[in-house]
Amino acid sequence: ITNDSAEYGIVRLLVDETERAFKLLKDNGFICKVSRVIGVKI
């Protein structure tokens, strides 16, 4: 999911290997963070 503004946006991703994806993104110059979210079945 993405949220945008005029110049920058936030891309939020759920991936199969969070730690590896995070390291890969950081190592390639992306500013990112990992946060905990709750998945609720409805």
ModelCIF file with pLDDT and N, C-alpha, C, O atoms, coordinates in Angstrom:
data_MODEL
#
_entry.id   MODEL 
#
_entity.id                         1 
_entity.type                       polymer 
_entity.pdbx_number_of_molecules   1 
#
_entity_poly.entity_id                      1 
_entity_poly.type                           'polypeptide(L)' 
_entity_poly.nstd_linkage                   no 
_entity_poly.nstd_monomer                   no 
_entity_poly.pdbx_seq_one_letter_code       ITNDSAEYGIVRLLVDETERAFKLLKDNGFICKVSRVIGVKI 
_entity_poly.pdbx_seq_one_letter_code_can   ITNDSAEYGIVRLLVDETERAFKLLKDNGFICKVSRVIGVKI 
_entity_poly.pdbx_strand_id                 A 
#
loop_
_entity_poly_seq.entity_id 
_entity_poly_seq.num 
_entity_poly_seq.mon_id 
_entity_poly_seq.hetero 
1 1  ILE n 
1 2  THR n 
1 3  ASN n 
1 4  ASP n 
1 5  SER n 
1 6  ALA n 
1 7  GLU n 
1 8  TYR n 
1 9  GLY n 
1 10 ILE n 
1 11 VAL n 
1 12 ARG n 
1 13 LEU n 
1 14 LEU n 
1 15 VAL n 
1 16 ASP n 
1 17 GLU n 
1 18 THR n 
1 19 GLU n 
1 20 ARG n 
1 21 ALA n 
1 22 PHE n 
1 23 LYS n 
1 24 LEU n 
1 25 LEU n 
1 26 LYS n 
1 27 ASP n 
1 28 ASN n 
1 29 GLY n 
1 30 PHE n 
1 31 ILE n 
1 32 CYS n 
1 33 LYS n 
1 34 VAL n 
1 35 SER n 
1 36 ARG n 
1 37 VAL n 
1 38 ILE n 
1 39 GLY n 
1 40 VAL n 
1 41 LYS n 
1 42 ILE n 
#
_struct_asym.id          A 
_struct_asym.entity_id   1 
#
loop_
_ma_qa_metric.id 
_ma_qa_metric.mode 
_ma_qa_metric.name 
_ma_qa_metric.software_group_id 
_ma_qa_metric.type 
1 global pLDDT . pLDDT 
2 local  pLDDT . pLDDT 
#
_ma_qa_metric_global.metric_id      1 
_ma_qa_metric_global.metric_value   92.36 
_ma_qa_metric_global.model_id       1 
_ma_qa_metric_global.ordinal_id     1 
#
loop_
_ma_qa_metric_local.label_asym_id 
_ma_qa_metric_local.label_comp_id 
_ma_qa_metric_local.label_seq_id 
_ma_qa_metric_local.metric_id 
_ma_qa_metric_local.metric_value 
_ma_qa_metric_local.model_id 
_ma_qa_metric_local.ordinal_id 
A ILE 1  2 91.00 1 1  
A THR 2  2 89.00 1 2  
A ASN 3  2 81.00 1 3  
A ASP 4  2 71.00 1 4  
A SER 5  2 72.00 1 5  
A ALA 6  2 69.00 1 6  
A GLU 7  2 76.00 1 7  
A TYR 8  2 82.00 1 8  
A GLY 9  2 87.00 1 9  
A ILE 10 2 91.00 1 10 
A VAL 11 2 94.00 1 11 
A ARG 12 2 95.00 1 12 
A LEU 13 2 96.00 1 13 
A LEU 14 2 96.00 1 14 
A VAL 15 2 96.00 1 15 
A ASP 16 2 94.00 1 16 
A GLU 17 2 96.00 1 17 
A THR 18 2 97.00 1 18 
A GLU 19 2 97.00 1 19 
A ARG 20 2 98.00 1 20 
A ALA 21 2 98.00 1 21 
A PHE 22 2 98.00 1 22 
A LYS 23 2 98.00 1 23 
A LEU 24 2 98.00 1 24 
A LEU 25 2 97.00 1 25 
A LYS 26 2 97.00 1 26 
A ASP 27 2 97.00 1 27 
A ASN 28 2 96.00 1 28 
A GLY 29 2 95.00 1 29 
A PHE 30 2 95.00 1 30 
A ILE 31 2 95.00 1 31 
A CYS 32 2 96.00 1 32 
A LYS 33 2 97.00 1 33 
A VAL 34 2 97.00 1 34 
A SER 35 2 95.00 1 35 
A ARG 36 2 94.00 1 36 
A VAL 37 2 95.00 1 37 
A ILE 38 2 94.00 1 38 
A GLY 39 2 94.00 1 39 
A VAL 40 2 95.00 1 40 
A LYS 41 2 95.00 1 41 
A ILE 42 2 95.00 1 42 
#
loop_
_atom_site.group_PDB 
_atom_site.id 
_atom_site.type_symbol 
_atom_site.label_atom_id 
_atom_site.label_alt_id 
_atom_site.label_comp_id 
_atom_site.label_asym_id 
_atom_site.label_entity_id 
_atom_site.label_seq_id 
_atom_site.pdbx_PDB_ins_code 
_atom_site.Cartn_x 
_atom_site.Cartn_y 
_atom_site.Cartn_z 
_atom_site.occupancy 
_atom_site.B_iso_or_equiv 
_atom_site.pdbx_formal_charge 
_atom_site.auth_seq_id 
_atom_site.auth_comp_id 
_atom_site.auth_asym_id 
_atom_site.auth_atom_id 
_atom_site.pdbx_PDB_model_num 
ATOM 1   N N  . ILE A 1 1  ? 0.866   -1.176  0.000  1.00 91.00 ? 1  ILE A N  1 
ATOM 2   C CA . ILE A 1 1  ? 0.000   0.000   0.000  1.00 91.00 ? 1  ILE A CA 1 
ATOM 3   C C  . ILE A 1 1  ? 0.901   1.223   0.000  1.00 91.00 ? 1  ILE A C  1 
ATOM 4   O O  . ILE A 1 1  ? 1.962   1.230   0.625  1.00 91.00 ? 1  ILE A O  1 
ATOM 5   N N  . THR A 1 2  ? 0.469   2.253   -0.705 1.00 89.00 ? 2  THR A N  1 
ATOM 6   C CA . THR A 1 2  ? 1.266   3.475   -0.756 1.00 89.00 ? 2  THR A CA 1 
ATOM 7   C C  . THR A 1 2  ? 0.423   4.661   -0.319 1.00 89.00 ? 2  THR A C  1 
ATOM 8   O O  . THR A 1 2  ? -0.784  4.706   -0.554 1.00 89.00 ? 2  THR A O  1 
ATOM 9   N N  . ASN A 1 3  ? 1.070   5.603   0.310  1.00 81.00 ? 3  ASN A N  1 
ATOM 10  C CA . ASN A 1 3  ? 0.477   6.892   0.666  1.00 81.00 ? 3  ASN A CA 1 
ATOM 11  C C  . ASN A 1 3  ? 1.417   7.936   0.100  1.00 81.00 ? 3  ASN A C  1 
ATOM 12  O O  . ASN A 1 3  ? 2.629   7.845   0.294  1.00 81.00 ? 3  ASN A O  1 
ATOM 13  N N  . ASP A 1 4  ? 0.885   8.916   -0.591 1.00 71.00 ? 4  ASP A N  1 
ATOM 14  C CA . ASP A 1 4  ? 1.768   9.881   -1.212 1.00 71.00 ? 4  ASP A CA 1 
ATOM 15  C C  . ASP A 1 4  ? 1.546   11.290  -0.703 1.00 71.00 ? 4  ASP A C  1 
ATOM 16  O O  . ASP A 1 4  ? 0.535   11.621  -0.085 1.00 71.00 ? 4  ASP A O  1 
ATOM 17  N N  . SER A 1 5  ? 2.534   12.086  -0.993 1.00 72.00 ? 5  SER A N  1 
ATOM 18  C CA . SER A 1 5  ? 2.450   13.528  -0.796 1.00 72.00 ? 5  SER A CA 1 
ATOM 19  C C  . SER A 1 5  ? 3.095   14.138  -2.043 1.00 72.00 ? 5  SER A C  1 
ATOM 20  O O  . SER A 1 5  ? 3.392   13.417  -2.995 1.00 72.00 ? 5  SER A O  1 
ATOM 21  N N  . ALA A 1 6  ? 3.305   15.404  -2.049 1.00 69.00 ? 6  ALA A N  1 
ATOM 22  C CA . ALA A 1 6  ? 3.821   16.058  -3.254 1.00 69.00 ? 6  ALA A CA 1 
ATOM 23  C C  . ALA A 1 6  ? 5.192   15.524  -3.678 1.00 69.00 ? 6  ALA A C  1 
ATOM 24  O O  . ALA A 1 6  ? 5.420   15.273  -4.861 1.00 69.00 ? 6  ALA A O  1 
ATOM 25  N N  . GLU A 1 7  ? 6.089   15.353  -2.730 1.00 76.00 ? 7  GLU A N  1 
ATOM 26  C CA . GLU A 1 7  ? 7.455   14.968  -3.092 1.00 76.00 ? 7  GLU A CA 1 
ATOM 27  C C  . GLU A 1 7  ? 7.849   13.564  -2.652 1.00 76.00 ? 7  GLU A C  1 
ATOM 28  O O  . GLU A 1 7  ? 8.668   12.920  -3.309 1.00 76.00 ? 7  GLU A O  1 
ATOM 29  N N  . TYR A 1 8  ? 7.285   13.084  -1.561 1.00 82.00 ? 8  TYR A N  1 
ATOM 30  C CA . TYR A 1 8  ? 7.641   11.772  -1.035 1.00 82.00 ? 8  TYR A CA 1 
ATOM 31  C C  . TYR A 1 8  ? 6.383   11.022  -0.614 1.00 82.00 ? 8  TYR A C  1 
ATOM 32  O O  . TYR A 1 8  ? 5.325   11.613  -0.401 1.00 82.00 ? 8  TYR A O  1 
ATOM 33  N N  . GLY A 1 9  ? 6.528   9.718   -0.502 1.00 87.00 ? 9  GLY A N  1 
ATOM 34  C CA . GLY A 1 9  ? 5.433   8.886   -0.040 1.00 87.00 ? 9  GLY A CA 1 
ATOM 35  C C  . GLY A 1 9  ? 5.958   7.774   0.840  1.00 87.00 ? 9  GLY A C  1 
ATOM 36  O O  . GLY A 1 9  ? 7.165   7.571   0.968  1.00 87.00 ? 9  GLY A O  1 
ATOM 37  N N  . ILE A 1 10 ? 5.037   7.068   1.436  1.00 91.00 ? 10 ILE A N  1 
ATOM 38  C CA . ILE A 1 10 ? 5.392   5.909   2.255  1.00 91.00 ? 10 ILE A CA 1 
ATOM 39  C C  . ILE A 1 10 ? 4.822   4.674   1.574  1.00 91.00 ? 10 ILE A C  1 
ATOM 40  O O  . ILE A 1 10 ? 3.631   4.603   1.273  1.00 91.00 ? 10 ILE A O  1 
ATOM 41  N N  . VAL A 1 11 ? 5.695   3.709   1.341  1.00 94.00 ? 11 VAL A N  1 
ATOM 42  C CA . VAL A 1 11 ? 5.305   2.423   0.794  1.00 94.00 ? 11 VAL A CA 1 
ATOM 43  C C  . VAL A 1 11 ? 5.347   1.438   1.949  1.00 94.00 ? 11 VAL A C  1 
ATOM 44  O O  . VAL A 1 11 ? 6.385   1.261   2.586  1.00 94.00 ? 11 VAL A O  1 
ATOM 45  N N  . ARG A 1 12 ? 4.215   0.798   2.217  1.00 95.00 ? 12 ARG A N  1 
ATOM 46  C CA . ARG A 1 12 ? 4.159   -0.198  3.283  1.00 95.00 ? 12 ARG A CA 1 
ATOM 47  C C  . ARG A 1 12 ? 4.026   -1.573  2.649  1.00 95.00 ? 12 ARG A C  1 
ATOM 48  O O  . ARG A 1 12 ? 3.159   -1.795  1.804  1.00 95.00 ? 12 ARG A O  1 
ATOM 49  N N  . LEU A 1 13 ? 4.891   -2.494  3.060  1.00 96.00 ? 13 LEU A N  1 
ATOM 50  C CA . LEU A 1 13 ? 4.937   -3.828  2.478  1.00 96.00 ? 13 LEU A CA 1 
ATOM 51  C C  . LEU A 1 13 ? 4.879   -4.911  3.540  1.00 96.00 ? 13 LEU A C  1 
ATOM 52  O O  . LEU A 1 13 ? 5.471   -4.784  4.612  1.00 96.00 ? 13 LEU A O  1 
ATOM 53  N N  . LEU A 1 14 ? 4.161   -5.969  3.227  1.00 96.00 ? 14 LEU A N  1 
ATOM 54  C CA . LEU A 1 14 ? 4.259   -7.221  3.965  1.00 96.00 ? 14 LEU A CA 1 
ATOM 55  C C  . LEU A 1 14 ? 4.925   -8.189  2.997  1.00 96.00 ? 14 LEU A C  1 
ATOM 56  O O  . LEU A 1 14 ? 4.439   -8.396  1.885  1.00 96.00 ? 14 LEU A O  1 
ATOM 57  N N  . VAL A 1 15 ? 6.018   -8.772  3.412  1.00 96.00 ? 15 VAL A N  1 
ATOM 58  C CA . VAL A 1 15 ? 6.793   -9.665  2.549  1.00 96.00 ? 15 VAL A CA 1 
ATOM 59  C C  . VAL A 1 15 ? 7.055   -10.985 3.259  1.00 96.00 ? 15 VAL A C  1 
ATOM 60  O O  . VAL A 1 15 ? 6.823   -11.116 4.461  1.00 96.00 ? 15 VAL A O  1 
ATOM 61  N N  . ASP A 1 16 ? 7.541   -11.960 2.499  1.00 94.00 ? 16 ASP A N  1 
ATOM 62  C CA . ASP A 1 16 ? 7.767   -13.284 3.084  1.00 94.00 ? 16 ASP A CA 1 
ATOM 63  C C  . ASP A 1 16 ? 8.990   -13.345 3.992  1.00 94.00 ? 16 ASP A C  1 
ATOM 64  O O  . ASP A 1 16 ? 9.027   -14.179 4.897  1.00 94.00 ? 16 ASP A O  1 
ATOM 65  N N  . GLU A 1 17 ? 9.978   -12.502 3.788  1.00 96.00 ? 17 GLU A N  1 
ATOM 66  C CA . GLU A 1 17 ? 11.184  -12.488 4.630  1.00 96.00 ? 17 GLU A CA 1 
ATOM 67  C C  . GLU A 1 17 ? 11.509  -11.044 5.002  1.00 96.00 ? 17 GLU A C  1 
ATOM 68  O O  . GLU A 1 17 ? 12.320  -10.386 4.351  1.00 96.00 ? 17 GLU A O  1 
ATOM 69  N N  . THR A 1 18 ? 10.872  -10.576 6.045  1.00 97.00 ? 18 THR A N  1 
ATOM 70  C CA . THR A 1 18 ? 10.973  -9.165  6.422  1.00 97.00 ? 18 THR A CA 1 
ATOM 71  C C  . THR A 1 18 ? 12.403  -8.722  6.700  1.00 97.00 ? 18 THR A C  1 
ATOM 72  O O  . THR A 1 18 ? 12.845  -7.694  6.186  1.00 97.00 ? 18 THR A O  1 
ATOM 73  N N  . GLU A 1 19 ? 13.117  -9.478  7.496  1.00 97.00 ? 19 GLU A N  1 
ATOM 74  C CA . GLU A 1 19 ? 14.468  -9.077  7.884  1.00 97.00 ? 19 GLU A CA 1 
ATOM 75  C C  . GLU A 1 19 ? 15.396  -8.977  6.674  1.00 97.00 ? 19 GLU A C  1 
ATOM 76  O O  . GLU A 1 19 ? 16.159  -8.019  6.549  1.00 97.00 ? 19 GLU A O  1 
ATOM 77  N N  . ARG A 1 20 ? 15.328  -9.963  5.791  1.00 98.00 ? 20 ARG A N  1 
ATOM 78  C CA . ARG A 1 20 ? 16.185  -9.952  4.598  1.00 98.00 ? 20 ARG A CA 1 
ATOM 79  C C  . ARG A 1 20 ? 15.800  -8.805  3.662  1.00 98.00 ? 20 ARG A C  1 
ATOM 80  O O  . ARG A 1 20 ? 16.675  -8.134  3.116  1.00 98.00 ? 20 ARG A O  1 
ATOM 81  N N  . ALA A 1 21 ? 14.506  -8.578  3.473  1.00 98.00 ? 21 ALA A N  1 
ATOM 82  C CA . ALA A 1 21 ? 14.041  -7.485  2.610  1.00 98.00 ? 21 ALA A CA 1 
ATOM 83  C C  . ALA A 1 21 ? 14.465  -6.137  3.182  1.00 98.00 ? 21 ALA A C  1 
ATOM 84  O O  . ALA A 1 21 ? 14.913  -5.261  2.442  1.00 98.00 ? 21 ALA A O  1 
ATOM 85  N N  . PHE A 1 22 ? 14.327  -5.971  4.481  1.00 98.00 ? 22 PHE A N  1 
ATOM 86  C CA . PHE A 1 22 ? 14.714  -4.720  5.132  1.00 98.00 ? 22 PHE A CA 1 
ATOM 87  C C  . PHE A 1 22 ? 16.197  -4.431  4.911  1.00 98.00 ? 22 PHE A C  1 
ATOM 88  O O  . PHE A 1 22 ? 16.568  -3.323  4.523  1.00 98.00 ? 22 PHE A O  1 
ATOM 89  N N  . LYS A 1 23 ? 17.036  -5.423  5.156  1.00 98.00 ? 23 LYS A N  1 
ATOM 90  C CA . LYS A 1 23 ? 18.489  -5.251  4.968  1.00 98.00 ? 23 LYS A CA 1 
ATOM 91  C C  . LYS A 1 23 ? 18.805  -4.925  3.515  1.00 98.00 ? 23 LYS A C  1 
ATOM 92  O O  . LYS A 1 23 ? 19.619  -4.042  3.243  1.00 98.00 ? 23 LYS A O  1 
ATOM 93  N N  . LEU A 1 24 ? 18.187  -5.610  2.599  1.00 98.00 ? 24 LEU A N  1 
ATOM 94  C CA . LEU A 1 24 ? 18.414  -5.381  1.178  1.00 98.00 ? 24 LEU A CA 1 
ATOM 95  C C  . LEU A 1 24 ? 18.033  -3.950  0.787  1.00 98.00 ? 24 LEU A C  1 
ATOM 96  O O  . LEU A 1 24 ? 18.788  -3.271  0.091  1.00 98.00 ? 24 LEU A O  1 
ATOM 97  N N  . LEU A 1 25 ? 16.881  -3.505  1.229  1.00 97.00 ? 25 LEU A N  1 
ATOM 98  C CA . LEU A 1 25 ? 16.441  -2.143  0.925  1.00 97.00 ? 25 LEU A CA 1 
ATOM 99  C C  . LEU A 1 25 ? 17.381  -1.107  1.525  1.00 97.00 ? 25 LEU A C  1 
ATOM 100 O O  . LEU A 1 25 ? 17.778  -0.162  0.843  1.00 97.00 ? 25 LEU A O  1 
ATOM 101 N N  . LYS A 1 26 ? 17.739  -1.276  2.793  1.00 97.00 ? 26 LYS A N  1 
ATOM 102 C CA . LYS A 1 26 ? 18.670  -0.341  3.458  1.00 97.00 ? 26 LYS A CA 1 
ATOM 103 C C  . LYS A 1 26 ? 20.012  -0.313  2.730  1.00 97.00 ? 26 LYS A C  1 
ATOM 104 O O  . LYS A 1 26 ? 20.567  0.757   2.482  1.00 97.00 ? 26 LYS A O  1 
ATOM 105 N N  . ASP A 1 27 ? 20.531  -1.503  2.388  1.00 97.00 ? 27 ASP A N  1 
ATOM 106 C CA . ASP A 1 27 ? 21.827  -1.588  1.704  1.00 97.00 ? 27 ASP A CA 1 
ATOM 107 C C  . ASP A 1 27 ? 21.801  -0.939  0.326  1.00 97.00 ? 27 ASP A C  1 
ATOM 108 O O  . ASP A 1 27 ? 22.851  -0.592  -0.216 1.00 97.00 ? 27 ASP A O  1 
ATOM 109 N N  . ASN A 1 28 ? 20.613  -0.772  -0.242 1.00 96.00 ? 28 ASN A N  1 
ATOM 110 C CA . ASN A 1 28 ? 20.476  -0.146  -1.551 1.00 96.00 ? 28 ASN A CA 1 
ATOM 111 C C  . ASN A 1 28 ? 19.987  1.299   -1.465 1.00 96.00 ? 28 ASN A C  1 
ATOM 112 O O  . ASN A 1 28 ? 19.484  1.854   -2.441 1.00 96.00 ? 28 ASN A O  1 
ATOM 113 N N  . GLY A 1 29 ? 20.141  1.898   -0.286 1.00 95.00 ? 29 GLY A N  1 
ATOM 114 C CA . GLY A 1 29 ? 19.907  3.325   -0.140 1.00 95.00 ? 29 GLY A CA 1 
ATOM 115 C C  . GLY A 1 29 ? 18.501  3.759   0.198  1.00 95.00 ? 29 GLY A C  1 
ATOM 116 O O  . GLY A 1 29 ? 18.217  4.957   0.226  1.00 95.00 ? 29 GLY A O  1 
ATOM 117 N N  . PHE A 1 30 ? 17.613  2.817   0.454  1.00 95.00 ? 30 PHE A N  1 
ATOM 118 C CA . PHE A 1 30 ? 16.247  3.203   0.813  1.00 95.00 ? 30 PHE A CA 1 
ATOM 119 C C  . PHE A 1 30 ? 16.159  3.504   2.304  1.00 95.00 ? 30 PHE A C  1 
ATOM 120 O O  . PHE A 1 30 ? 16.763  2.811   3.122  1.00 95.00 ? 30 PHE A O  1 
ATOM 121 N N  . ILE A 1 31 ? 15.417  4.523   2.643  1.00 95.00 ? 31 ILE A N  1 
ATOM 122 C CA . ILE A 1 31 ? 15.149  4.866   4.035  1.00 95.00 ? 31 ILE A CA 1 
ATOM 123 C C  . ILE A 1 31 ? 13.909  4.073   4.428  1.00 95.00 ? 31 ILE A C  1 
ATOM 124 O O  . ILE A 1 31 ? 12.826  4.281   3.880  1.00 95.00 ? 31 ILE A O  1 
ATOM 125 N N  . CYS A 1 32 ? 14.079  3.164   5.381  1.00 96.00 ? 32 CYS A N  1 
ATOM 126 C CA . CYS A 1 32 ? 12.939  2.324   5.753  1.00 96.00 ? 32 CYS A CA 1 
ATOM 127 C C  . CYS A 1 32 ? 13.033  1.905   7.218  1.00 96.00 ? 32 CYS A C  1 
ATOM 128 O O  . CYS A 1 32 ? 14.067  2.054   7.869  1.00 96.00 ? 32 CYS A O  1 
ATOM 129 N N  . LYS A 1 33 ? 11.935  1.387   7.700  1.00 97.00 ? 33 LYS A N  1 
ATOM 130 C CA . LYS A 1 33 ? 11.894  0.878   9.068  1.00 97.00 ? 33 LYS A CA 1 
ATOM 131 C C  . LYS A 1 33 ? 10.932  -0.303  9.111  1.00 97.00 ? 33 LYS A C  1 
ATOM 132 O O  . LYS A 1 33 ? 10.069  -0.458  8.247  1.00 97.00 ? 33 LYS A O  1 
ATOM 133 N N  . VAL A 1 34 ? 11.100  -1.119  10.124 1.00 97.00 ? 34 VAL A N  1 
ATOM 134 C CA . VAL A 1 34 ? 10.215  -2.253  10.363 1.00 97.00 ? 34 VAL A CA 1 
ATOM 135 C C  . VAL A 1 34 ? 9.355   -1.915  11.564 1.00 97.00 ? 34 VAL A C  1 
ATOM 136 O O  . VAL A 1 34 ? 9.852   -1.428  12.579 1.00 97.00 ? 34 VAL A O  1 
ATOM 137 N N  . SER A 1 35 ? 8.068   -2.174  11.446 1.00 95.00 ? 35 SER A N  1 
ATOM 138 C CA . SER A 1 35 ? 7.174   -1.956  12.576 1.00 95.00 ? 35 SER A CA 1 
ATOM 139 C C  . SER A 1 35 ? 6.217   -3.135  12.698 1.00 95.00 ? 35 SER A C  1 
ATOM 140 O O  . SER A 1 35 ? 5.982   -3.878  11.745 1.00 95.00 ? 35 SER A O  1 
ATOM 141 N N  . ARG A 1 36 ? 5.688   -3.277  13.876 1.00 94.00 ? 36 ARG A N  1 
ATOM 142 C CA . ARG A 1 36 ? 4.734   -4.347  14.134 1.00 94.00 ? 36 ARG A CA 1 
ATOM 143 C C  . ARG A 1 36 ? 3.329   -3.866  13.817 1.00 94.00 ? 36 ARG A C  1 
ATOM 144 O O  . ARG A 1 36 ? 2.938   -2.752  14.166 1.00 94.00 ? 36 ARG A O  1 
ATOM 145 N N  . VAL A 1 37 ? 2.583   -4.727  13.151 1.00 95.00 ? 37 VAL A N  1 
ATOM 146 C CA . VAL A 1 37 ? 1.178   -4.455  12.862 1.00 95.00 ? 37 VAL A CA 1 
ATOM 147 C C  . VAL A 1 37 ? 0.374   -5.687  13.252 1.00 95.00 ? 37 VAL A C  1 
ATOM 148 O O  . VAL A 1 37 ? 0.926   -6.762  13.488 1.00 95.00 ? 37 VAL A O  1 
ATOM 149 N N  . ILE A 1 38 ? -0.910  -5.513  13.313 1.00 94.00 ? 38 ILE A N  1 
ATOM 150 C CA . ILE A 1 38 ? -1.813  -6.591  13.720 1.00 94.00 ? 38 ILE A CA 1 
ATOM 151 C C  . ILE A 1 38 ? -2.636  -7.010  12.516 1.00 94.00 ? 38 ILE A C  1 
ATOM 152 O O  . ILE A 1 38 ? -3.236  -6.169  11.847 1.00 94.00 ? 38 ILE A O  1 
ATOM 153 N N  . GLY A 1 39 ? -2.668  -8.291  12.240 1.00 94.00 ? 39 GLY A N  1 
ATOM 154 C CA . GLY A 1 39 ? -3.503  -8.832  11.175 1.00 94.00 ? 39 GLY A CA 1 
ATOM 155 C C  . GLY A 1 39 ? -4.744  -9.459  11.785 1.00 94.00 ? 39 GLY A C  1 
ATOM 156 O O  . GLY A 1 39 ? -4.649  -10.428 12.538 1.00 94.00 ? 39 GLY A O  1 
ATOM 157 N N  . VAL A 1 40 ? -5.911  -8.907  11.463 1.00 95.00 ? 40 VAL A N  1 
ATOM 158 C CA . VAL A 1 40 ? -7.180  -9.368  12.032 1.00 95.00 ? 40 VAL A CA 1 
ATOM 159 C C  . VAL A 1 40 ? -8.047  -9.935  10.915 1.00 95.00 ? 40 VAL A C  1 
ATOM 160 O O  . VAL A 1 40 ? -8.367  -9.232  9.957  1.00 95.00 ? 40 VAL A O  1 
ATOM 161 N N  . LYS A 1 41 ? -8.425  -11.196 11.037 1.00 95.00 ? 41 LYS A N  1 
ATOM 162 C CA . LYS A 1 41 ? -9.331  -11.787 10.053 1.00 95.00 ? 41 LYS A CA 1 
ATOM 163 C C  . LYS A 1 41 ? -10.739 -11.272 10.305 1.00 95.00 ? 41 LYS A C  1 
ATOM 164 O O  . LYS A 1 41 ? -11.219 -11.252 11.439 1.00 95.00 ? 41 LYS A O  1 
ATOM 165 N N  . ILE A 1 42 ? -11.395 -10.852 9.216  1.00 95.00 ? 42 ILE A N  1 
ATOM 166 C CA . ILE A 1 42 ? -12.770 -10.381 9.324  1.00 95.00 ? 42 ILE A CA 1 
ATOM 167 C C  . ILE A 1 42 ? -13.628 -11.139 8.307  1.00 95.00 ? 42 ILE A C  1 
ATOM 168 O O  . ILE A 1 42 ? -14.833 -10.903 8.218  1.00 95.00 ? 42 ILE A O  1 
#
